[in-house]
Amino acid sequence: AQFLVTPPKLVISKSLVRTVDAELTVEGEMTFAALKPESHTTWEM
């Protein structure tokens, strides 16, 4: 029950996929209070 109320925060440190032409990065965080996802992520290309 305590885990559902205050679950840990998932953190995405700067991650990327790079090709010969482009690079896509993402970073942000996500929580799952009461099993409902809430996230803030920044994508750059």
All heavy atoms as atom14 arrays in JSON, in Angstrom:
{
  "sequence": "AQFLVTPPKLVISKSLVRTVDAELTVEGEMTFAALKPESHTTWEM",
  "atom14_mask": [
    [1, 1, 1, 1, 1, 0, 0, 0, 0, 0, 0, 0, 0, 0],
    [1, 1, 1, 1, 1, 1, 1, 1, 1, 0, 0, 0, 0, 0],
    [1, 1, 1, 1, 1, 1, 1, 1, 1, 1, 1, 0, 0, 0],
    [1, 1, 1, 1, 1, 1, 1, 1, 0, 0, 0, 0, 0, 0],
    [1, 1, 1, 1, 1, 1, 1, 0, 0, 0, 0, 0, 0, 0],
    [1, 1, 1, 1, 1, 1, 1, 0, 0, 0, 0, 0, 0, 0],
    [1, 1, 1, 1, 1, 1, 1, 0, 0, 0, 0, 0, 0, 0],
    [1, 1, 1, 1, 1, 1, 1, 0, 0, 0, 0, 0, 0, 0],
    [1, 1, 1, 1, 1, 1, 1, 1, 1, 0, 0, 0, 0, 0],
    [1, 1, 1, 1, 1, 1, 1, 1, 0, 0, 0, 0, 0, 0],
    [1, 1, 1, 1, 1, 1, 1, 0, 0, 0, 0, 0, 0, 0],
    [1, 1, 1, 1, 1, 1, 1, 1, 0, 0, 0, 0, 0, 0],
    [1, 1, 1, 1, 1, 1, 0, 0, 0, 0, 0, 0, 0, 0],
    [1, 1, 1, 1, 1, 1, 1, 1, 1, 0, 0, 0, 0, 0],
    [1, 1, 1, 1, 1, 1, 0, 0, 0, 0, 0, 0, 0, 0],
    [1, 1, 1, 1, 1, 1, 1, 1, 0, 0, 0, 0, 0, 0],
    [1, 1, 1, 1, 1, 1, 1, 0, 0, 0, 0, 0, 0, 0],
    [1, 1, 1, 1, 1, 1, 1, 1, 1, 1, 1, 0, 0, 0],
    [1, 1, 1, 1, 1, 1, 1, 0, 0, 0, 0, 0, 0, 0],
    [1, 1, 1, 1, 1, 1, 1, 0, 0, 0, 0, 0, 0, 0],
    [1, 1, 1, 1, 1, 1, 1, 1, 0, 0, 0, 0, 0, 0],
    [1, 1, 1, 1, 1, 0, 0, 0, 0, 0, 0, 0, 0, 0],
    [1, 1, 1, 1, 1, 1, 1, 1, 1, 0, 0, 0, 0, 0],
    [1, 1, 1, 1, 1, 1, 1, 1, 0, 0, 0, 0, 0, 0],
    [1, 1, 1, 1, 1, 1, 1, 0, 0, 0, 0, 0, 0, 0],
    [1, 1, 1, 1, 1, 1, 1, 0, 0, 0, 0, 0, 0, 0],
    [1, 1, 1, 1, 1, 1, 1, 1, 1, 0, 0, 0, 0, 0],
    [1, 1, 1, 1, 0, 0, 0, 0, 0, 0, 0, 0, 0, 0],
    [1, 1, 1, 1, 1, 1, 1, 1, 1, 0, 0, 0, 0, 0],
    [1, 1, 1, 1, 1, 1, 1, 1, 0, 0, 0, 0, 0, 0],
    [1, 1, 1, 1, 1, 1, 1, 0, 0, 0, 0, 0, 0, 0],
    [1, 1, 1, 1, 1, 1, 1, 1, 1, 1, 1, 0, 0, 0],
    [1, 1, 1, 1, 1, 0, 0, 0, 0, 0, 0, 0, 0, 0],
    [1, 1, 1, 1, 1, 0, 0, 0, 0, 0, 0, 0, 0, 0],
    [1, 1, 1, 1, 1, 1, 1, 1, 0, 0, 0, 0, 0, 0],
    [1, 1, 1, 1, 1, 1, 1, 1, 1, 0, 0, 0, 0, 0],
    [1, 1, 1, 1, 1, 1, 1, 0, 0, 0, 0, 0, 0, 0],
    [1, 1, 1, 1, 1, 1, 1, 1, 1, 0, 0, 0, 0, 0],
    [1, 1, 1, 1, 1, 1, 0, 0, 0, 0, 0, 0, 0, 0],
    [1, 1, 1, 1, 1, 1, 1, 1, 1, 1, 0, 0, 0, 0],
    [1, 1, 1, 1, 1, 1, 1, 0, 0, 0, 0, 0, 0, 0],
    [1, 1, 1, 1, 1, 1, 1, 0, 0, 0, 0, 0, 0, 0],
    [1, 1, 1, 1, 1, 1, 1, 1, 1, 1, 1, 1, 1, 1],
    [1, 1, 1, 1, 1, 1, 1, 1, 1, 0, 0, 0, 0, 0],
    [1, 1, 1, 1, 1, 1, 1, 1, 0, 0, 0, 0, 0, 0]
  ],
  "atom14_positions": [
    [[0.83, -1.21, 0.0], [0.0, 0.0, 0.0], [0.86, 1.25, 0.0], [0.57, 2.23, -0.7], [-0.93, -0.01, 1.21], [0.0, 0.0, 0.0], [0.0, 0.0, 0.0], [0.0, 0.0, 0.0], [0.0, 0.0, 0.0], [0.0, 0.0, 0.0], [0.0, 0.0, 0.0], [0.0, 0.0, 0.0], [0.0, 0.0, 0.0], [0.0, 0.0, 0.0]],
    [[1.94, 1.23, 0.79], [2.83, 2.38, 0.85], [3.51, 2.61, -0.5], [3.71, 3.75, -0.93], [3.88, 2.18, 1.94], [4.8, 3.36, 2.15], [4.07, 4.61, 2.61], [3.03, 4.5, 3.27], [4.58, 5.77, 2.27], [0.0, 0.0, 0.0], [0.0, 0.0, 0.0], [0.0, 0.0, 0.0], [0.0, 0.0, 0.0], [0.0, 0.0, 0.0]],
    [[3.84, 1.51, -1.19], [4.48, 1.63, -2.5], [3.53, 2.28, -3.51], [3.95, 3.09, -4.34], [4.9, 0.25, -2.99], [5.54, 0.26, -4.36], [6.88, 0.57, -4.51], [4.8, -0.01, -5.5], [7.48, 0.58, -5.76], [5.37, 0.01, -6.75], [6.73, 0.31, -6.88], [0.0, 0.0, 0.0], [0.0, 0.0, 0.0], [0.0, 0.0, 0.0]],
    [[2.24, 1.96, -3.43], [1.29, 2.55, -4.36], [1.12, 4.04, -4.12], [0.94, 4.83, -5.06], [-0.08, 1.86, -4.22], [-0.17, 0.42, -4.74], [-1.54, -0.15, -4.46], [0.12, 0.38, -6.25], [0.0, 0.0, 0.0], [0.0, 0.0, 0.0], [0.0, 0.0, 0.0], [0.0, 0.0, 0.0], [0.0, 0.0, 0.0], [0.0, 0.0, 0.0]],
    [[1.22, 4.45, -2.85], [1.04, 5.86, -2.52], [2.26, 6.68, -2.92], [2.15, 7.75, -3.51], [0.74, 6.02, -1.02], [0.69, 7.5, -0.64], [-0.57, 5.34, -0.66], [0.0, 0.0, 0.0], [0.0, 0.0, 0.0], [0.0, 0.0, 0.0], [0.0, 0.0, 0.0], [0.0, 0.0, 0.0], [0.0, 0.0, 0.0], [0.0, 0.0, 0.0]],
    [[3.45, 6.18, -2.58], [4.69, 6.91, -2.87], [5.68, 6.0, -3.6], [6.67, 5.54, -3.01], [5.33, 7.43, -1.57], [5.56, 6.31, -0.69], [4.45, 8.45, -0.9], [0.0, 0.0, 0.0], [0.0, 0.0, 0.0], [0.0, 0.0, 0.0], [0.0, 0.0, 0.0], [0.0, 0.0, 0.0], [0.0, 0.0, 0.0], [0.0, 0.0, 0.0]],
    [[5.42, 5.71, -4.86], [6.34, 4.85, -5.61], [7.63, 5.59, -5.96], [7.67, 6.83, -5.93], [5.55, 4.52, -6.88], [4.68, 5.71, -7.08], [4.31, 6.17, -5.68], [0.0, 0.0, 0.0], [0.0, 0.0, 0.0], [0.0, 0.0, 0.0], [0.0, 0.0, 0.0], [0.0, 0.0, 0.0], [0.0, 0.0, 0.0], [0.0, 0.0, 0.0]],
    [[8.7, 4.86, -6.27], [9.94, 5.54, -6.68], [9.76, 6.23, -8.03], [8.82, 5.94, -8.77], [10.95, 4.39, -6.78], [10.12, 3.17, -6.97], [8.85, 3.4, -6.23], [0.0, 0.0, 0.0], [0.0, 0.0, 0.0], [0.0, 0.0, 0.0], [0.0, 0.0, 0.0], [0.0, 0.0, 0.0], [0.0, 0.0, 0.0], [0.0, 0.0, 0.0]],
    [[10.65, 7.16, -8.3], [10.59, 7.92, -9.55], [11.52, 7.29, -10.58], [12.67, 6.99, -10.3], [11.0, 9.37, -9.29], [10.95, 10.27, -10.53], [11.45, 11.67, -10.19], [10.54, 12.34, -9.2], [10.99, 13.75, -8.94], [0.0, 0.0, 0.0], [0.0, 0.0, 0.0], [0.0, 0.0, 0.0], [0.0, 0.0, 0.0], [0.0, 0.0, 0.0]],
    [[10.99, 7.05, -11.78], [11.8, 6.55, -12.89], [12.47, 7.72, -13.58], [11.81, 8.69, -13.97], [10.93, 5.77, -13.89], [11.62, 5.3, -15.17], [12.69, 4.26, -14.85], [10.61, 4.73, -16.16], [0.0, 0.0, 0.0], [0.0, 0.0, 0.0], [0.0, 0.0, 0.0], [0.0, 0.0, 0.0], [0.0, 0.0, 0.0], [0.0, 0.0, 0.0]],
    [[13.79, 7.65, -13.73], [14.56, 8.74, -14.33], [15.21, 8.24, -15.61], [15.85, 7.18, -15.64], [15.65, 9.25, -13.37], [16.5, 10.32, -14.04], [15.01, 9.79, -12.1], [0.0, 0.0, 0.0], [0.0, 0.0, 0.0], [0.0, 0.0, 0.0], [0.0, 0.0, 0.0], [0.0, 0.0, 0.0], [0.0, 0.0, 0.0], [0.0, 0.0, 0.0]],
    [[15.05, 8.99, -16.67], [15.73, 8.71, -17.94], [16.83, 9.74, -18.1], [16.56, 10.92, -18.37], [14.77, 8.77, -19.14], [13.57, 7.85, -18.92], [15.49, 8.4, -20.43], [12.49, 7.98, -19.98], [0.0, 0.0, 0.0], [0.0, 0.0, 0.0], [0.0, 0.0, 0.0], [0.0, 0.0, 0.0], [0.0, 0.0, 0.0], [0.0, 0.0, 0.0]],
    [[18.06, 9.33, -17.85], [19.18, 10.24, -18.13], [19.35, 10.31, -19.64], [18.76, 9.53, -20.39], [20.45, 9.72, -17.46], [20.28, 9.65, -16.05], [0.0, 0.0, 0.0], [0.0, 0.0, 0.0], [0.0, 0.0, 0.0], [0.0, 0.0, 0.0], [0.0, 0.0, 0.0], [0.0, 0.0, 0.0], [0.0, 0.0, 0.0], [0.0, 0.0, 0.0]],
    [[20.18, 11.26, -20.11], [20.25, 11.51, -21.54], [20.58, 10.23, -22.3], [21.65, 9.65, -22.13], [21.31, 12.58, -21.85], [21.23, 13.07, -23.3], [22.09, 14.28, -23.52], [21.93, 14.83, -24.92], [22.73, 16.05, -25.15], [0.0, 0.0, 0.0], [0.0, 0.0, 0.0], [0.0, 0.0, 0.0], [0.0, 0.0, 0.0], [0.0, 0.0, 0.0]],
    [[19.64, 9.8, -23.13], [19.78, 8.6, -23.95], [19.65, 9.0, -25.4], [19.03, 10.03, -25.72], [18.72, 7.56, -23.58], [18.81, 7.22, -22.2], [0.0, 0.0, 0.0], [0.0, 0.0, 0.0], [0.0, 0.0, 0.0], [0.0, 0.0, 0.0], [0.0, 0.0, 0.0], [0.0, 0.0, 0.0], [0.0, 0.0, 0.0], [0.0, 0.0, 0.0]],
    [[20.19, 8.2, -26.3], [20.19, 8.63, -27.7], [20.21, 7.45, -28.66], [20.61, 6.33, -28.31], [21.38, 9.55, -27.98], [22.79, 8.97, -27.87], [23.23, 8.29, -29.17], [23.79, 10.07, -27.54], [0.0, 0.0, 0.0], [0.0, 0.0, 0.0], [0.0, 0.0, 0.0], [0.0, 0.0, 0.0], [0.0, 0.0, 0.0], [0.0, 0.0, 0.0]],
    [[19.74, 7.75, -29.86], [19.91, 6.89, -31.03], [20.48, 7.76, -32.12], [19.93, 8.82, -32.44], [18.56, 6.26, -31.47], [18.78, 5.46, -32.75], [17.99, 5.38, -30.38], [0.0, 0.0, 0.0], [0.0, 0.0, 0.0], [0.0, 0.0, 0.0], [0.0, 0.0, 0.0], [0.0, 0.0, 0.0], [0.0, 0.0, 0.0], [0.0, 0.0, 0.0]],
    [[21.6, 7.33, -32.7], [22.29, 8.13, -33.72], [22.4, 7.32, -35.01], [22.71, 6.13, -34.99], [23.67, 8.53, -33.22], [24.43, 9.47, -34.16], [25.81, 9.8, -33.59], [25.72, 10.58, -32.36], [26.28, 10.23, -31.21], [26.97, 9.1, -31.11], [26.16, 11.01, -30.14], [0.0, 0.0, 0.0], [0.0, 0.0, 0.0], [0.0, 0.0, 0.0]],
    [[22.12, 7.98, -36.14], [22.32, 7.39, -37.47], [23.35, 8.24, -38.23], [23.9, 9.19, -37.68], [21.0, 7.33, -38.26], [20.58, 8.68, -38.56], [19.91, 6.64, -37.46], [0.0, 0.0, 0.0], [0.0, 0.0, 0.0], [0.0, 0.0, 0.0], [0.0, 0.0, 0.0], [0.0, 0.0, 0.0], [0.0, 0.0, 0.0], [0.0, 0.0, 0.0]],
    [[23.58, 7.89, -39.48], [24.57, 8.66, -40.25], [24.1, 10.09, -40.48], [24.92, 10.99, -40.68], [24.84, 7.98, -41.61], [25.53, 6.65, -41.42], [23.55, 7.8, -42.41], [0.0, 0.0, 0.0], [0.0, 0.0, 0.0], [0.0, 0.0, 0.0], [0.0, 0.0, 0.0], [0.0, 0.0, 0.0], [0.0, 0.0, 0.0], [0.0, 0.0, 0.0]],
    [[22.78, 10.34, -40.42], [22.25, 11.67, -40.7], [21.72, 12.41, -39.48], [21.72, 13.64, -39.46], [21.1, 11.58, -41.72], [21.56, 11.06, -43.06], [22.69, 11.4, -43.47], [20.8, 10.32, -43.7], [0.0, 0.0, 0.0], [0.0, 0.0, 0.0], [0.0, 0.0, 0.0], [0.0, 0.0, 0.0], [0.0, 0.0, 0.0], [0.0, 0.0, 0.0]],
    [[21.24, 11.68, -38.49], [20.47, 12.33, -37.43], [20.82, 11.76, -36.06], [21.47, 10.72, -35.94], [18.97, 12.15, -37.7], [0.0, 0.0, 0.0], [0.0, 0.0, 0.0], [0.0, 0.0, 0.0], [0.0, 0.0, 0.0], [0.0, 0.0, 0.0], [0.0, 0.0, 0.0], [0.0, 0.0, 0.0], [0.0, 0.0, 0.0], [0.0, 0.0, 0.0]],
    [[20.36, 12.51, -35.05], [20.52, 12.06, -33.66], [19.28, 12.45, -32.89], [18.85, 13.6, -32.9], [21.75, 12.69, -33.03], [21.94, 12.31, -31.56], [23.15, 12.97, -30.93], [24.28, 12.55, -31.25], [22.96, 13.93, -30.14], [0.0, 0.0, 0.0], [0.0, 0.0, 0.0], [0.0, 0.0, 0.0], [0.0, 0.0, 0.0], [0.0, 0.0, 0.0]],
    [[18.68, 11.47, -32.19], [17.51, 11.69, -31.38], [17.87, 11.41, -29.92], [18.38, 10.34, -29.59], [16.36, 10.77, -31.8], [15.08, 10.84, -30.96], [14.42, 12.21, -31.1], [14.11, 9.73, -31.37], [0.0, 0.0, 0.0], [0.0, 0.0, 0.0], [0.0, 0.0, 0.0], [0.0, 0.0, 0.0], [0.0, 0.0, 0.0], [0.0, 0.0, 0.0]],
    [[17.63, 12.39, -29.04], [17.94, 12.22, -27.62], [16.67, 12.39, -26.8], [15.71, 13.03, -27.23], [18.98, 13.24, -27.13], [18.42, 14.56, -27.2], [20.24, 13.17, -27.96], [0.0, 0.0, 0.0], [0.0, 0.0, 0.0], [0.0, 0.0, 0.0], [0.0, 0.0, 0.0], [0.0, 0.0, 0.0], [0.0, 0.0, 0.0], [0.0, 0.0, 0.0]],
    [[16.67, 11.81, -25.6], [15.54, 11.94, -24.69], [16.06, 11.92, -23.26], [17.03, 11.21, -22.95], [14.5, 10.81, -24.91], [15.13, 9.44, -24.68], [13.3, 11.0, -23.97], [0.0, 0.0, 0.0], [0.0, 0.0, 0.0], [0.0, 0.0, 0.0], [0.0, 0.0, 0.0], [0.0, 0.0, 0.0], [0.0, 0.0, 0.0], [0.0, 0.0, 0.0]],
    [[15.45, 12.71, -22.41], [15.72, 12.68, -20.98], [14.49, 13.18, -20.25], [13.69, 13.95, -20.81], [16.94, 13.52, -20.61], [16.9, 14.96, -21.04], [18.23, 15.66, -20.77], [18.85, 15.36, -19.74], [18.64, 16.49, -21.6], [0.0, 0.0, 0.0], [0.0, 0.0, 0.0], [0.0, 0.0, 0.0], [0.0, 0.0, 0.0], [0.0, 0.0, 0.0]],
    [[14.31, 12.71, -19.01], [13.14, 13.13, -18.26], [12.89, 12.22, -17.08], [13.78, 11.49, -16.62], [0.0, 0.0, 0.0], [0.0, 0.0, 0.0], [0.0, 0.0, 0.0], [0.0, 0.0, 0.0], [0.0, 0.0, 0.0], [0.0, 0.0, 0.0], [0.0, 0.0, 0.0], [0.0, 0.0, 0.0], [0.0, 0.0, 0.0], [0.0, 0.0, 0.0]],
    [[11.65, 12.24, -16.58], [11.32, 11.44, -15.41], [9.85, 11.05, -15.47], [9.04, 11.69, -16.16], [11.62, 12.2, -14.13], [10.92, 13.53, -14.01], [11.37, 14.32, -12.8], [12.57, 14.26, -12.45], [10.52, 15.01, -12.2], [0.0, 0.0, 0.0], [0.0, 0.0, 0.0], [0.0, 0.0, 0.0], [0.0, 0.0, 0.0], [0.0, 0.0, 0.0]],
    [[9.51, 10.0, -14.71], [8.15, 9.49, -14.71], [7.82, 8.94, -13.31], [8.68, 8.33, -12.66], [7.99, 8.38, -15.77], [6.61, 7.75, -15.84], [6.5, 6.45, -17.1], [6.72, 7.43, -18.6], [0.0, 0.0, 0.0], [0.0, 0.0, 0.0], [0.0, 0.0, 0.0], [0.0, 0.0, 0.0], [0.0, 0.0, 0.0], [0.0, 0.0, 0.0]],
    [[6.59, 9.17, -12.87], [6.12, 8.61, -11.61], [4.85, 7.82, -11.86], [4.18, 8.01, -12.88], [5.85, 9.71, -10.58], [4.87, 10.63, -11.12], [7.11, 10.47, -10.23], [0.0, 0.0, 0.0], [0.0, 0.0, 0.0], [0.0, 0.0, 0.0], [0.0, 0.0, 0.0], [0.0, 0.0, 0.0], [0.0, 0.0, 0.0], [0.0, 0.0, 0.0]],
    [[4.51, 6.94, -10.89], [3.33, 6.07, -11.05], [2.5, 6.08, -9.76], [2.16, 5.04, -9.23], [3.76, 4.64, -11.37], [4.46, 4.5, -12.69], [5.84, 4.64, -12.76], [3.75, 4.23, -13.84], [6.5, 4.5, -13.97], [4.41, 4.09, -15.05], [5.79, 4.24, -15.12], [0.0, 0.0, 0.0], [0.0, 0.0, 0.0], [0.0, 0.0, 0.0]],
    [[2.19, 7.25, -9.24], [1.37, 7.32, -8.04], [0.02, 6.69, -8.3], [-0.66, 7.03, -9.28], [1.22, 8.77, -7.6], [0.0, 0.0, 0.0], [0.0, 0.0, 0.0], [0.0, 0.0, 0.0], [0.0, 0.0, 0.0], [0.0, 0.0, 0.0], [0.0, 0.0, 0.0], [0.0, 0.0, 0.0], [0.0, 0.0, 0.0], [0.0, 0.0, 0.0]],
    [[-0.39, 5.76, -7.43], [-1.66, 5.04, -7.57], [-1.76, 4.38, -8.95], [-2.84, 4.25, -9.52], [-2.84, 5.96, -7.34], [0.0, 0.0, 0.0], [0.0, 0.0, 0.0], [0.0, 0.0, 0.0], [0.0, 0.0, 0.0], [0.0, 0.0, 0.0], [0.0, 0.0, 0.0], [0.0, 0.0, 0.0], [0.0, 0.0, 0.0], [0.0, 0.0, 0.0]],
    [[-0.61, 3.95, -9.47], [-0.51, 3.25, -10.76], [-0.95, 4.12, -11.93], [-1.24, 3.61, -13.02], [-1.35, 1.96, -10.74], [-0.89, 0.9, -9.73], [-1.78, -0.33, -9.83], [0.56, 0.52, -9.94], [0.0, 0.0, 0.0], [0.0, 0.0, 0.0], [0.0, 0.0, 0.0], [0.0, 0.0, 0.0], [0.0, 0.0, 0.0], [0.0, 0.0, 0.0]],
    [[-0.97, 5.44, -11.74], [-1.31, 6.35, -12.83], [-0.04, 7.07, -13.28], [0.55, 7.83, -12.51], [-2.36, 7.37, -12.37], [-3.71, 6.74, -12.05], [-4.74, 7.78, -11.65], [-6.08, 7.15, -11.38], [-7.11, 8.17, -11.0], [0.0, 0.0, 0.0], [0.0, 0.0, 0.0], [0.0, 0.0, 0.0], [0.0, 0.0, 0.0], [0.0, 0.0, 0.0]],
    [[0.41, 6.83, -14.51], [1.67, 7.42, -14.97], [1.59, 8.92, -15.17], [0.59, 9.44, -15.68], [1.93, 6.7, -16.3], [0.59, 6.28, -16.78], [-0.21, 5.98, -15.55], [0.0, 0.0, 0.0], [0.0, 0.0, 0.0], [0.0, 0.0, 0.0], [0.0, 0.0, 0.0], [0.0, 0.0, 0.0], [0.0, 0.0, 0.0], [0.0, 0.0, 0.0]],
    [[2.62, 9.6, -14.74], [2.77, 11.04, -14.99], [4.23, 11.28, -15.36], [5.13, 10.83, -14.64], [2.39, 11.84, -13.75], [2.39, 13.36, -14.0], [1.71, 14.12, -12.89], [1.04, 13.48, -12.06], [1.84, 15.35, -12.85], [0.0, 0.0, 0.0], [0.0, 0.0, 0.0], [0.0, 0.0, 0.0], [0.0, 0.0, 0.0], [0.0, 0.0, 0.0]],
    [[4.46, 11.96, -16.49], [5.84, 12.08, -16.97], [6.11, 13.46, -17.55], [5.2, 14.18, -17.96], [6.11, 11.02, -18.05], [5.29, 11.24, -19.2], [0.0, 0.0, 0.0], [0.0, 0.0, 0.0], [0.0, 0.0, 0.0], [0.0, 0.0, 0.0], [0.0, 0.0, 0.0], [0.0, 0.0, 0.0], [0.0, 0.0, 0.0], [0.0, 0.0, 0.0]],
    [[7.4, 13.78, -17.55], [7.9, 15.0, -18.18], [9.19, 14.62, -18.91], [10.19, 14.28, -18.27], [8.18, 16.09, -17.14], [8.79, 17.33, -17.72], [8.05, 18.32, -18.31], [10.11, 17.71, -17.83], [8.87, 19.28, -18.73], [10.11, 18.92, -18.45], [0.0, 0.0, 0.0], [0.0, 0.0, 0.0], [0.0, 0.0, 0.0], [0.0, 0.0, 0.0]],
    [[9.16, 14.63, -20.23], [10.32, 14.22, -21.02], [10.64, 15.28, -22.08], [9.73, 15.96, -22.58], [10.08, 12.87, -21.74], [8.87, 12.95, -22.52], [9.95, 11.74, -20.74], [0.0, 0.0, 0.0], [0.0, 0.0, 0.0], [0.0, 0.0, 0.0], [0.0, 0.0, 0.0], [0.0, 0.0, 0.0], [0.0, 0.0, 0.0], [0.0, 0.0, 0.0]],
    [[11.91, 15.4, -22.37], [12.38, 16.34, -23.4], [13.06, 15.55, -24.5], [14.03, 14.82, -24.26], [13.36, 17.36, -22.81], [12.7, 18.09, -21.77], [13.84, 18.33, -23.87], [0.0, 0.0, 0.0], [0.0, 0.0, 0.0], [0.0, 0.0, 0.0], [0.0, 0.0, 0.0], [0.0, 0.0, 0.0], [0.0, 0.0, 0.0], [0.0, 0.0, 0.0]],
    [[12.55, 15.7, -25.71], [13.09, 15.03, -26.89], [13.73, 16.07, -27.8], [13.15, 17.14, -28.02], [11.98, 14.31, -27.66], [11.24, 13.3, -26.85], [10.33, 13.55, -25.86], [11.33, 11.87, -26.95], [9.85, 12.38, -25.33], [10.45, 11.33, -25.99], [12.06, 11.01, -27.77], [10.29, 9.96, -25.82], [11.9, 9.65, -27.6], [11.03, 9.12, -26.64]],
    [[14.9, 15.78, -28.31], [15.58, 16.68, -29.25], [16.13, 15.87, -30.42], [16.61, 14.76, -30.24], [16.72, 17.43, -28.56], [16.24, 18.39, -27.48], [17.38, 19.13, -26.79], [18.56, 18.9, -27.18], [17.09, 19.94, -25.88], [0.0, 0.0, 0.0], [0.0, 0.0, 0.0], [0.0, 0.0, 0.0], [0.0, 0.0, 0.0], [0.0, 0.0, 0.0]],
    [[16.08, 16.48, -31.6], [16.53, 15.79, -32.79], [17.3, 16.74, -33.7], [16.87, 17.85, -33.98], [15.35, 15.19, -33.56], [15.76, 14.35, -34.75], [14.36, 13.48, -35.51], [15.21, 12.55, -36.8], [0.0, 0.0, 0.0], [0.0, 0.0, 0.0], [0.0, 0.0, 0.0], [0.0, 0.0, 0.0], [0.0, 0.0, 0.0], [0.0, 0.0, 0.0]]
  ]
}
